[in-house]
């Protein structure tokens, strides 16, 4: 999985779609420099894109099964 490549394409695509919102959910361990899945380049892209209004960034812990199903509904 290469989230950075996908996110770059999605942010470019959505620039041409008025009133669209790209919501990106990411776990704390990706954003935290001490996290097991920290990805510096991804974090930099996400923070810059969120600051530019190109995406809505939601950082959270892993969802429980119940919370995940509720979120997807």
PDB file of N, CA and C in Angstrom:
ATOM      1  N   UNK A   1       0.845  -1.172   0.000  1.00  0.00           N
ATOM      2  CA  UNK A   1       0.000   0.000   0.000  1.00  0.00           C
ATOM      3  C   UNK A   1       0.891   1.236   0.000  1.00  0.00           C
ATOM      4  N   UNK A   2       0.568   2.160  -0.869  1.00  0.00           N
ATOM      5  CA  UNK A   2       1.337   3.397  -0.975  1.00  0.00           C
ATOM      6  C   UNK A   2       0.393   4.585  -0.807  1.00  0.00           C
ATOM      7  N   UNK A   3       0.063   4.936   0.436  1.00  0.00           N
ATOM      8  CA  UNK A   3      -0.939   5.983   0.646  1.00  0.00           C
ATOM      9  C   UNK A   3      -0.537   7.340   0.078  1.00  0.00           C
ATOM     10  N   UNK A   4       0.727   7.660   0.099  1.00  0.00           N
ATOM     11  CA  UNK A   4       1.165   8.966  -0.388  1.00  0.00           C
ATOM     12  C   UNK A   4       0.888   9.116  -1.882  1.00  0.00           C
ATOM     13  N   UNK A   5       1.156   8.102  -2.652  1.00  0.00           N
ATOM     14  CA  UNK A   5       0.884   8.152  -4.097  1.00  0.00           C
ATOM     15  C   UNK A   5      -0.608   8.321  -4.362  1.00  0.00           C
ATOM     16  N   UNK A   6      -1.428   7.583  -3.638  1.00  0.00           N
ATOM     17  CA  UNK A   6      -2.876   7.667  -3.811  1.00  0.00           C
ATOM     18  C   UNK A   6      -3.386   9.037  -3.388  1.00  0.00           C
ATOM     19  N   UNK A   7      -2.904   9.536  -2.255  1.00  0.00           N
ATOM     20  CA  UNK A   7      -3.361  10.834  -1.764  1.00  0.00           C
ATOM     21  C   UNK A   7      -2.962  11.971  -2.695  1.00  0.00           C
ATOM     22  N   UNK A   8      -1.808  11.887  -3.283  1.00  0.00           N
ATOM     23  CA  UNK A   8      -1.392  12.931  -4.239  1.00  0.00           C
ATOM     24  C   UNK A   8      -2.367  12.988  -5.420  1.00  0.00           C
ATOM     25  N   UNK A   9      -2.717  11.842  -5.947  1.00  0.00           N
ATOM     26  CA  UNK A   9      -3.653  11.791  -7.076  1.00  0.00           C
ATOM     27  C   UNK A   9      -5.037  12.283  -6.648  1.00  0.00           C
ATOM     28  N   UNK A  10      -5.493  11.862  -5.474  1.00  0.00           N
ATOM     29  CA  UNK A  10      -6.812  12.280  -5.008  1.00  0.00           C
ATOM     30  C   UNK A  10      -6.888  13.783  -4.778  1.00  0.00           C
ATOM     31  N   UNK A  11      -5.867  14.369  -4.157  1.00  0.00           N
ATOM     32  CA  UNK A  11      -5.906  15.817  -3.917  1.00  0.00           C
ATOM     33  C   UNK A  11      -5.874  16.581  -5.234  1.00  0.00           C
ATOM     34  N   UNK A  12      -5.105  16.104  -6.205  1.00  0.00           N
ATOM     35  CA  UNK A  12      -5.085  16.760  -7.519  1.00  0.00           C
ATOM     36  C   UNK A  12      -6.449  16.646  -8.195  1.00  0.00           C
ATOM     37  N   UNK A  13      -7.047  15.485  -8.122  1.00  0.00           N
ATOM     38  CA  UNK A  13      -8.339  15.248  -8.769  1.00  0.00           C
ATOM     39  C   UNK A  13      -9.424  16.122  -8.149  1.00  0.00           C
ATOM     40  N   UNK A  14      -9.436  16.210  -6.831  1.00  0.00           N
ATOM     41  CA  UNK A  14     -10.491  16.946  -6.155  1.00  0.00           C
ATOM     42  C   UNK A  14     -10.376  18.458  -6.335  1.00  0.00           C
ATOM     43  N   UNK A  15      -9.226  18.945  -6.731  1.00  0.00           N
ATOM     44  CA  UNK A  15      -9.087  20.384  -6.997  1.00  0.00           C
ATOM     45  C   UNK A  15     -10.062  20.821  -8.086  1.00  0.00           C
ATOM     46  N   UNK A  16     -10.374  19.942  -9.004  1.00  0.00           N
ATOM     47  CA  UNK A  16     -11.287  20.252 -10.099  1.00  0.00           C
ATOM     48  C   UNK A  16     -12.739  19.921  -9.814  1.00  0.00           C
ATOM     49  N   UNK A  17     -13.036  19.488  -8.600  1.00  0.00           N
ATOM     50  CA  UNK A  17     -14.409  19.121  -8.234  1.00  0.00           C
ATOM     51  C   UNK A  17     -14.915  20.061  -7.140  1.00  0.00           C
ATOM     52  N   UNK A  18     -15.674  21.067  -7.536  1.00  0.00           N
ATOM     53  CA  UNK A  18     -16.155  22.033  -6.541  1.00  0.00           C
ATOM     54  C   UNK A  18     -17.001  21.356  -5.461  1.00  0.00           C
ATOM     55  N   UNK A  19     -16.901  21.880  -4.266  1.00  0.00           N
ATOM     56  CA  UNK A  19     -17.674  21.404  -3.110  1.00  0.00           C
ATOM     57  C   UNK A  19     -17.351  19.975  -2.696  1.00  0.00           C
ATOM     58  N   UNK A  20     -16.234  19.447  -3.131  1.00  0.00           N
ATOM     59  CA  UNK A  20     -15.836  18.103  -2.719  1.00  0.00           C
ATOM     60  C   UNK A  20     -14.930  18.201  -1.492  1.00  0.00           C
ATOM     61  N   UNK A  21     -14.948  17.147  -0.702  1.00  0.00           N
ATOM     62  CA  UNK A  21     -14.107  17.090   0.496  1.00  0.00           C
ATOM     63  C   UNK A  21     -13.447  15.721   0.543  1.00  0.00           C
ATOM     64  N   UNK A  22     -12.150  15.721   0.712  1.00  0.00           N
ATOM     65  CA  UNK A  22     -11.410  14.476   0.896  1.00  0.00           C
ATOM     66  C   UNK A  22     -11.121  14.339   2.385  1.00  0.00           C
ATOM     67  N   UNK A  23     -11.766  13.375   3.027  1.00  0.00           N
ATOM     68  CA  UNK A  23     -11.526  13.130   4.442  1.00  0.00           C
ATOM     69  C   UNK A  23     -10.505  12.003   4.544  1.00  0.00           C
ATOM     70  N   UNK A  24      -9.453  12.271   5.289  1.00  0.00           N
ATOM     71  CA  UNK A  24      -8.407  11.273   5.493  1.00  0.00           C
ATOM     72  C   UNK A  24      -8.351  10.937   6.974  1.00  0.00           C
ATOM     73  N   UNK A  25      -8.614   9.687   7.294  1.00  0.00           N
ATOM     74  CA  UNK A  25      -8.498   9.185   8.657  1.00  0.00           C
ATOM     75  C   UNK A  25      -7.143   8.517   8.795  1.00  0.00           C
ATOM     76  N   UNK A  26      -6.450   8.848   9.861  1.00  0.00           N
ATOM     77  CA  UNK A  26      -5.126   8.280  10.084  1.00  0.00           C
ATOM     78  C   UNK A  26      -4.969   7.990  11.573  1.00  0.00           C
ATOM     79  N   UNK A  27      -4.295   6.906  11.858  1.00  0.00           N
ATOM     80  CA  UNK A  27      -4.078   6.520  13.257  1.00  0.00           C
ATOM     81  C   UNK A  27      -2.943   7.337  13.870  1.00  0.00           C
ATOM     82  N   UNK A  28      -3.048   7.534  15.183  1.00  0.00           N
ATOM     83  CA  UNK A  28      -2.030   8.291  15.916  1.00  0.00           C
ATOM     84  C   UNK A  28      -0.625   7.747  15.694  1.00  0.00           C
ATOM     85  N   UNK A  29      -0.488   6.441  15.584  1.00  0.00           N
ATOM     86  CA  UNK A  29       0.848   5.856  15.472  1.00  0.00           C
ATOM     87  C   UNK A  29       1.539   6.213  14.158  1.00  0.00           C
ATOM     88  N   UNK A  30       0.780   6.652  13.178  1.00  0.00           N
ATOM     89  CA  UNK A  30       1.383   7.121  11.926  1.00  0.00           C
ATOM     90  C   UNK A  30       1.888   8.544  12.097  1.00  0.00           C
ATOM     91  N   UNK A  31       1.144   9.351  12.828  1.00  0.00           N
ATOM     92  CA  UNK A  31       1.486  10.766  13.007  1.00  0.00           C
ATOM     93  C   UNK A  31       2.564  10.994  14.067  1.00  0.00           C
ATOM     94  N   UNK A  32       2.623  10.129  15.053  1.00  0.00           N
ATOM     95  CA  UNK A  32       3.546  10.280  16.184  1.00  0.00           C
ATOM     96  C   UNK A  32       4.951   9.827  15.783  1.00  0.00           C
ATOM     97  N   UNK A  33       5.957  10.712  15.922  1.00  0.00           N
ATOM     98  CA  UNK A  33       7.331  10.319  15.567  1.00  0.00           C
ATOM     99  C   UNK A  33       7.832   9.074  16.304  1.00  0.00           C
ATOM    100  N   UNK A  34       7.250   8.786  17.447  1.00  0.00           N
ATOM    101  CA  UNK A  34       7.636   7.592  18.203  1.00  0.00           C
ATOM    102  C   UNK A  34       6.742   6.394  17.884  1.00  0.00           C
ATOM    103  N   UNK A  35       5.764   6.588  17.020  1.00  0.00           N
ATOM    104  CA  UNK A  35       4.808   5.525  16.696  1.00  0.00           C
ATOM    105  C   UNK A  35       5.429   4.420  15.858  1.00  0.00           C
ATOM    106  N   UNK A  36       4.891   3.243  16.012  1.00  0.00           N
ATOM    107  CA  UNK A  36       5.404   2.068  15.296  1.00  0.00           C
ATOM    108  C   UNK A  36       5.260   2.193  13.784  1.00  0.00           C
ATOM    109  N   UNK A  37       4.275   2.950  13.327  1.00  0.00           N
ATOM    110  CA  UNK A  37       4.028   3.087  11.892  1.00  0.00           C
ATOM    111  C   UNK A  37       4.238   4.510  11.389  1.00  0.00           C
ATOM    112  N   UNK A  38       5.057   5.260  12.099  1.00  0.00           N
ATOM    113  CA  UNK A  38       5.307   6.655  11.716  1.00  0.00           C
ATOM    114  C   UNK A  38       5.888   6.725  10.300  1.00  0.00           C
ATOM    115  N   UNK A  39       5.361   7.699   9.546  1.00  0.00           N
ATOM    116  CA  UNK A  39       5.821   7.911   8.173  1.00  0.00           C
ATOM    117  C   UNK A  39       6.013   9.411   7.987  1.00  0.00           C
ATOM    118  N   UNK A  40       7.247   9.859   8.090  1.00  0.00           N
ATOM    119  CA  UNK A  40       7.547  11.290   8.073  1.00  0.00           C
ATOM    120  C   UNK A  40       7.029  11.970   6.813  1.00  0.00           C
ATOM    121  N   UNK A  41       7.279  11.395   5.652  1.00  0.00           N
ATOM    122  CA  UNK A  41       6.846  12.017   4.400  1.00  0.00           C
ATOM    123  C   UNK A  41       5.325  12.097   4.314  1.00  0.00           C
ATOM    124  N   UNK A  42       4.651  11.067   4.743  1.00  0.00           N
ATOM    125  CA  UNK A  42       3.195  11.071   4.739  1.00  0.00           C
ATOM    126  C   UNK A  42       2.657  12.139   5.682  1.00  0.00           C
ATOM    127  N   UNK A  43       3.230  12.229   6.870  1.00  0.00           N
ATOM    128  CA  UNK A  43       2.806  13.235   7.847  1.00  0.00           C
ATOM    129  C   UNK A  43       2.989  14.637   7.278  1.00  0.00           C
ATOM    130  N   UNK A  44       4.128  14.897   6.668  1.00  0.00           N
ATOM    131  CA  UNK A  44       4.385  16.221   6.089  1.00  0.00           C
ATOM    132  C   UNK A  44       3.350  16.548   5.017  1.00  0.00           C
ATOM    133  N   UNK A  45       3.056  15.591   4.159  1.00  0.00           N
ATOM    134  CA  UNK A  45       2.059  15.797   3.103  1.00  0.00           C
ATOM    135  C   UNK A  45       0.682  16.057   3.701  1.00  0.00           C
ATOM    136  N   UNK A  46       0.274  15.243   4.660  1.00  0.00           N
ATOM    137  CA  UNK A  46      -1.040  15.386   5.266  1.00  0.00           C
ATOM    138  C   UNK A  46      -1.195  16.736   5.956  1.00  0.00           C
ATOM    139  N   UNK A  47      -0.195  17.130   6.715  1.00  0.00           N
ATOM    140  CA  UNK A  47      -0.277  18.400   7.427  1.00  0.00           C
ATOM    141  C   UNK A  47      -0.311  19.583   6.464  1.00  0.00           C
ATOM    142  N   UNK A  48       0.509  19.551   5.427  1.00  0.00           N
ATOM    143  CA  UNK A  48       0.528  20.640   4.451  1.00  0.00           C
ATOM    144  C   UNK A  48      -0.781  20.695   3.674  1.00  0.00           C
ATOM    145  N   UNK A  49      -1.288  19.545   3.277  1.00  0.00           N
ATOM    146  CA  UNK A  49      -2.533  19.497   2.509  1.00  0.00           C
ATOM    147  C   UNK A  49      -3.719  19.937   3.359  1.00  0.00           C
ATOM    148  N   UNK A  50      -3.730  19.556   4.623  1.00  0.00           N
ATOM    149  CA  UNK A  50      -4.807  19.985   5.523  1.00  0.00           C
ATOM    150  C   UNK A  50      -4.741  21.496   5.733  1.00  0.00           C
ATOM    151  N   UNK A  51      -3.541  22.030   5.928  1.00  0.00           N
ATOM    152  CA  UNK A  51      -3.373  23.476   6.117  1.00  0.00           C
ATOM    153  C   UNK A  51      -3.810  24.257   4.880  1.00  0.00           C
ATOM    154  N   UNK A  52      -3.622  23.664   3.710  1.00  0.00           N
ATOM    155  CA  UNK A  52      -4.009  24.310   2.448  1.00  0.00           C
ATOM    156  C   UNK A  52      -5.494  24.117   2.134  1.00  0.00           C
ATOM    157  N   UNK A  53      -6.206  23.360   2.967  1.00  0.00           N
ATOM    158  CA  UNK A  53      -7.622  23.120   2.745  1.00  0.00           C
ATOM    159  C   UNK A  53      -7.902  22.085   1.674  1.00  0.00           C
ATOM    160  N   UNK A  54      -6.900  21.287   1.334  1.00  0.00           N
ATOM    161  CA  UNK A  54      -7.071  20.267   0.286  1.00  0.00           C
ATOM    162  C   UNK A  54      -7.663  18.964   0.813  1.00  0.00           C
ATOM    163  N   UNK A  55      -7.642  18.789   2.123  1.00  0.00           N
ATOM    164  CA  UNK A  55      -8.227  17.601   2.721  1.00  0.00           C
ATOM    165  C   UNK A  55      -8.608  17.889   4.155  1.00  0.00           C
ATOM    166  N   UNK A  56      -9.480  17.062   4.667  1.00  0.00           N
ATOM    167  CA  UNK A  56      -9.889  17.120   6.059  1.00  0.00           C
ATOM    168  C   UNK A  56      -9.195  15.962   6.773  1.00  0.00           C
ATOM    169  N   UNK A  57      -8.338  16.296   7.720  1.00  0.00           N
ATOM    170  CA  UNK A  57      -7.523  15.290   8.398  1.00  0.00           C
ATOM    171  C   UNK A  57      -8.119  14.952   9.753  1.00  0.00           C
ATOM    172  N   UNK A  58      -8.349  13.677   9.974  1.00  0.00           N
ATOM    173  CA  UNK A  58      -8.897  13.194  11.238  1.00  0.00           C
ATOM    174  C   UNK A  58      -7.927  12.161  11.810  1.00  0.00           C
ATOM    175  N   UNK A  59      -7.280  12.523  12.899  1.00  0.00           N
ATOM    176  CA  UNK A  59      -6.306  11.643  13.549  1.00  0.00           C
ATOM    177  C   UNK A  59      -6.982  11.003  14.763  1.00  0.00           C
ATOM    178  N   UNK A  60      -6.917   9.697  14.853  1.00  0.00           N
ATOM    179  CA  UNK A  60      -7.603   9.000  15.938  1.00  0.00           C
ATOM    180  C   UNK A  60      -6.920   7.668  16.226  1.00  0.00           C
ATOM    181  N   UNK A  61      -7.322   7.058  17.346  1.00  0.00           N
ATOM    182  CA  UNK A  61      -6.867   5.715  17.674  1.00  0.00           C
ATOM    183  C   UNK A  61      -7.608   4.722  16.787  1.00  0.00           C
ATOM    184  N   UNK A  62      -7.184   3.478  16.832  1.00  0.00           N
ATOM    185  CA  UNK A  62      -7.884   2.428  16.097  1.00  0.00           C
ATOM    186  C   UNK A  62      -9.325   2.359  16.597  1.00  0.00           C
ATOM    187  N   UNK A  63     -10.254   2.186  15.674  1.00  0.00           N
ATOM    188  CA  UNK A  63     -11.656   2.039  16.040  1.00  0.00           C
ATOM    189  C   UNK A  63     -11.913   0.613  16.530  1.00  0.00           C
ATOM    190  N   UNK A  64     -12.799   0.500  17.510  1.00  0.00           N
ATOM    191  CA  UNK A  64     -13.304  -0.827  17.868  1.00  0.00           C
ATOM    192  C   UNK A  64     -14.176  -1.297  16.704  1.00  0.00           C
ATOM    193  N   UNK A  65     -14.506  -2.558  16.663  1.00  0.00           N
ATOM    194  CA  UNK A  65     -15.372  -3.060  15.594  1.00  0.00           C
ATOM    195  C   UNK A  65     -16.691  -2.297  15.562  1.00  0.00           C
ATOM    196  N   UNK A  66     -17.265  -2.073  16.737  1.00  0.00           N
ATOM    197  CA  UNK A  66     -18.544  -1.364  16.823  1.00  0.00           C
ATOM    198  C   UNK A  66     -18.411   0.068  16.295  1.00  0.00           C
ATOM    199  N   UNK A  67     -17.371   0.749  16.701  1.00  0.00           N
ATOM    200  CA  UNK A  67     -17.164   2.129  16.260  1.00  0.00           C
ATOM    201  C   UNK A  67     -16.891   2.175  14.748  1.00  0.00           C
ATOM    202  N   UNK A  68     -16.135   1.228  14.238  1.00  0.00           N
ATOM    203  CA  UNK A  68     -15.844   1.191  12.807  1.00  0.00           C
ATOM    204  C   UNK A  68     -17.137   1.005  11.996  1.00  0.00           C
ATOM    205  N   UNK A  69     -17.988   0.079  12.407  1.00  0.00           N
ATOM    206  CA  UNK A  69     -19.240  -0.141  11.682  1.00  0.00           C
ATOM    207  C   UNK A  69     -20.129   1.092  11.755  1.00  0.00           C
ATOM    208  N   UNK A  70     -20.153   1.741  12.901  1.00  0.00           N
ATOM    209  CA  UNK A  70     -20.937   2.965  13.043  1.00  0.00           C
ATOM    210  C   UNK A  70     -20.403   4.059  12.131  1.00  0.00           C
ATOM    211  N   UNK A  71     -19.090   4.212  12.085  1.00  0.00           N
ATOM    212  CA  UNK A  71     -18.453   5.206  11.237  1.00  0.00           C
ATOM    213  C   UNK A  71     -18.754   4.940   9.752  1.00  0.00           C
ATOM    214  N   UNK A  72     -18.666   3.689   9.350  1.00  0.00           N
ATOM    215  CA  UNK A  72     -18.913   3.335   7.946  1.00  0.00           C
ATOM    216  C   UNK A  72     -20.370   3.472   7.549  1.00  0.00           C
ATOM    217  N   UNK A  73     -21.251   3.425   8.523  1.00  0.00           N
ATOM    218  CA  UNK A  73     -22.683   3.569   8.229  1.00  0.00           C
ATOM    219  C   UNK A  73     -22.979   5.004   7.904  1.00  0.00           C
TER     220      UNK A  73
END
